[in-house]
Each structure stands twice: as structure tokens, then as C-alpha cells.
C-alpha atoms as a PDB file:
ATOM      1  CA  UNK A   1       0.000   0.000   0.000  1.00  0.00           C
ATOM      2  CA  UNK A   2       1.405   3.354  -1.059  1.00  0.00           C
ATOM      3  CA  UNK A   3       0.488   6.491   0.859  1.00  0.00           C
ATOM      4  CA  UNK A   4       0.805   9.968  -0.565  1.00  0.00           C
ATOM      5  CA  UNK A   5       3.404  12.197   1.079  1.00  0.00           C
ATOM      6  CA  UNK A   6       2.327  15.815   1.376  1.00  0.00           C
ATOM      7  CA  UNK A   7       4.975  18.532   1.442  1.00  0.00           C
ATOM      8  CA  UNK A   8       4.118  21.086   4.114  1.00  0.00           C
ATOM      9  CA  UNK A   9       6.322  23.692   2.421  1.00  0.00           C
ATOM     10  CA  UNK A  10       4.402  23.269  -0.853  1.00  0.00           C
ATOM     11  CA  UNK A  11       1.065  23.518   0.930  1.00  0.00           C
ATOM     12  CA  UNK A  12       2.145  26.704   2.743  1.00  0.00           C
ATOM     13  CA  UNK A  13       3.239  28.216  -0.562  1.00  0.00           C
ATOM     14  CA  UNK A  14      -0.148  27.425  -2.160  1.00  0.00           C
ATOM     15  CA  UNK A  15      -1.977  29.144   0.675  1.00  0.00           C
ATOM     16  CA  UNK A  16       0.101  32.290   0.992  1.00  0.00           C
ATOM     17  CA  UNK A  17       0.262  35.220   1.175  1.00  0.00           C
ATOM     18  CA  UNK A  18      -2.402  35.850   3.766  1.00  0.00           C
ATOM     19  CA  UNK A  19      -3.330  38.802   5.905  1.00  0.00           C
ATOM     20  CA  UNK A  20      -4.555  38.721   9.470  1.00  0.00           C
ATOM     21  CA  UNK A  21      -5.953  41.239  11.869  1.00  0.00           C
ATOM     22  CA  UNK A  22      -8.940  42.577  13.713  1.00  0.00           C
ATOM     23  CA  UNK A  23     -12.227  42.369  11.813  1.00  0.00           C
ATOM     24  CA  UNK A  24     -15.744  43.666  12.366  1.00  0.00           C
ATOM     25  CA  UNK A  25     -19.095  42.620  10.896  1.00  0.00           C
ATOM     26  CA  UNK A  26     -21.037  45.517   9.392  1.00  0.00           C
ATOM     27  CA  UNK A  27     -24.297  43.619   9.988  1.00  0.00           C
ATOM     28  CA  UNK A  28     -24.117  42.460  13.614  1.00  0.00           C
ATOM     29  CA  UNK A  29     -21.079  44.458  14.858  1.00  0.00           C
ATOM     30  CA  UNK A  30     -19.299  41.256  15.999  1.00  0.00           C
ATOM     31  CA  UNK A  31     -15.502  41.654  16.268  1.00  0.00           C
ATOM     32  CA  UNK A  32     -12.920  38.886  15.828  1.00  0.00           C
ATOM     33  CA  UNK A  33      -9.385  38.159  14.632  1.00  0.00           C
ATOM     34  CA  UNK A  34      -9.518  37.079  10.978  1.00  0.00           C
ATOM     35  CA  UNK A  35      -7.103  35.467   8.532  1.00  0.00           C
ATOM     36  CA  UNK A  36      -7.757  35.662   4.793  1.00  0.00           C
ATOM     37  CA  UNK A  37      -5.890  35.579   1.475  1.00  0.00           C
ATOM     38  CA  UNK A  38      -4.327  38.896   0.467  1.00  0.00           C
ATOM     39  CA  UNK A  39      -6.818  41.011  -1.484  1.00  0.00           C
ATOM     40  CA  UNK A  40      -9.888  39.740   0.385  1.00  0.00           C
ATOM     41  CA  UNK A  41     -12.398  42.525   0.944  1.00  0.00           C
ATOM     42  CA  UNK A  42     -15.479  40.890   2.526  1.00  0.00           C
ATOM     43  CA  UNK A  43     -15.221  38.278   5.287  1.00  0.00           C
ATOM     44  CA  UNK A  44     -17.747  35.708   6.500  1.00  0.00           C
ATOM     45  CA  UNK A  45     -18.819  36.687  10.005  1.00  0.00           C
ATOM     46  CA  UNK A  46     -18.448  33.773  12.447  1.00  0.00           C
ATOM     47  CA  UNK A  47     -21.353  35.103  14.524  1.00  0.00           C
ATOM     48  CA  UNK A  48     -24.157  35.877  12.050  1.00  0.00           C
ATOM     49  CA  UNK A  49     -22.610  33.966   9.075  1.00  0.00           C
ATOM     50  CA  UNK A  50     -23.231  36.876   6.680  1.00  0.00           C
ATOM     51  CA  UNK A  51     -20.489  38.001   4.311  1.00  0.00           C
ATOM     52  CA  UNK A  52     -20.439  41.479   5.851  1.00  0.00           C
ATOM     53  CA  UNK A  53     -17.117  41.390   7.716  1.00  0.00           C
ATOM     54  CA  UNK A  54     -14.294  43.842   7.016  1.00  0.00           C
ATOM     55  CA  UNK A  55     -10.764  44.124   8.288  1.00  0.00           C
ATOM     56  CA  UNK A  56     -10.448  47.074  10.645  1.00  0.00           C
ATOM     57  CA  UNK A  57      -7.905  49.713   9.584  1.00  0.00           C
ATOM     58  CA  UNK A  58      -6.794  47.946   6.417  1.00  0.00           C
ATOM     59  CA  UNK A  59      -4.931  51.036   5.297  1.00  0.00           C
ATOM     60  CA  UNK A  60      -2.489  53.002   7.355  1.00  0.00           C
ATOM     61  CA  UNK A  61      -2.818  56.565   6.125  1.00  0.00           C
ATOM     62  CA  UNK A  62      -1.970  59.837   7.790  1.00  0.00           C
ATOM     63  CA  UNK A  63      -4.629  62.389   8.583  1.00  0.00           C
ATOM     64  CA  UNK A  64      -8.364  62.168   9.271  1.00  0.00           C
ATOM     65  CA  UNK A  65     -10.578  59.478   7.762  1.00  0.00           C
ATOM     66  CA  UNK A  66     -14.189  59.801   6.645  1.00  0.00           C
ATOM     67  CA  UNK A  67     -16.788  57.868   8.632  1.00  0.00           C
ATOM     68  CA  UNK A  68     -20.544  57.520   8.315  1.00  0.00           C
ATOM     69  CA  UNK A  69     -22.496  58.408  11.497  1.00  0.00           C
ATOM     70  CA  UNK A  70     -23.026  54.635  11.924  1.00  0.00           C
ATOM     71  CA  UNK A  71     -19.244  54.230  12.226  1.00  0.00           C
ATOM     72  CA  UNK A  72     -18.573  52.567   8.872  1.00  0.00           C
ATOM     73  CA  UNK A  73     -15.571  53.862   6.901  1.00  0.00           C
ATOM     74  CA  UNK A  74     -16.538  52.194   3.623  1.00  0.00           C
ATOM     75  CA  UNK A  75     -18.507  54.139   1.013  1.00  0.00           C
ATOM     76  CA  UNK A  76     -20.022  53.185  -2.330  1.00  0.00           C
ATOM     77  CA  UNK A  77     -20.132  55.737  -5.100  1.00  0.00           C
ATOM     78  CA  UNK A  78     -23.249  55.872  -7.284  1.00  0.00           C
ATOM     79  CA  UNK A  79     -23.470  58.203 -10.285  1.00  0.00           C
ATOM     80  CA  UNK A  80     -25.739  60.544  -8.311  1.00  0.00           C
ATOM     81  CA  UNK A  81     -24.641  60.116  -4.675  1.00  0.00           C
ATOM     82  CA  UNK A  82     -22.327  58.415  -2.187  1.00  0.00           C
ATOM     83  CA  UNK A  83     -23.815  55.970   0.320  1.00  0.00           C
ATOM     84  CA  UNK A  84     -22.836  53.731   3.219  1.00  0.00           C
ATOM     85  CA  UNK A  85     -23.136  49.973   2.509  1.00  0.00           C
ATOM     86  CA  UNK A  86     -23.729  49.297   6.203  1.00  0.00           C
ATOM     87  CA  UNK A  87     -26.765  51.509   6.889  1.00  0.00           C
ATOM     88  CA  UNK A  88     -27.611  52.745   3.389  1.00  0.00           C
ATOM     89  CA  UNK A  89     -27.495  56.415   4.370  1.00  0.00           C
ATOM     90  CA  UNK A  90     -26.775  58.834   1.557  1.00  0.00           C
ATOM     91  CA  UNK A  91     -23.729  60.874   2.489  1.00  0.00           C
ATOM     92  CA  UNK A  92     -23.991  64.638   2.080  1.00  0.00           C
ATOM     93  CA  UNK A  93     -20.990  65.244   4.290  1.00  0.00           C
ATOM     94  CA  UNK A  94     -19.406  62.276   6.093  1.00  0.00           C
ATOM     95  CA  UNK A  95     -17.664  63.249   9.325  1.00  0.00           C
ATOM     96  CA  UNK A  96     -13.887  63.215   9.556  1.00  0.00           C
ATOM     97  CA  UNK A  97     -12.337  61.583  12.611  1.00  0.00           C
END
């Protein structure tokens, strides 16, 4: 009987690079430590199981950041307006914090 030998180094290479860090669900506000392949935008929330999780502070930039009153820092741009994907509020002037 011949058993297959799996190279751990090869398996690590197939699965990398990954990013890890604090994450928050935009639906239920659950927070957790997440690991995902580089480039992942939305994460599956382990609490509510919705794909509404985001890494917190994905980008290190200097200066103030725009936030919706609900606390979300992600905005979608429509041809006529900007809105928050978390609460749906149209943004006339997001607050800087």
C-alpha cells in the first residue's frame, strides 16, 4: 500500500500570502481576529454567518478618515450620490475623525 506524502512547504506556498488582523461585521457588529488571502475585501462573520465582515484599519494613512455616522468607513459611489453599505445612508458630508 502506497500512501501519498504531502509537502508542508508546498502547501504553505499554495496558501500564501495571507493577511490577518482585527475584523468587524457591518451587519451584527461582531468583532474577531480574521485570517484571509491577500486582497480579500469581505469576510464571512463567524457570529451571524453573513459576508459582511471587514478588516479594521486595512490602510495606514496619515490624517483624518471619513466615517458615516453609523461608524462605517466604507462608502459606495453611485453616479448621483455616495452611500454607506452598512446603513444605506446617503452621504452629504461624512464626518472626519
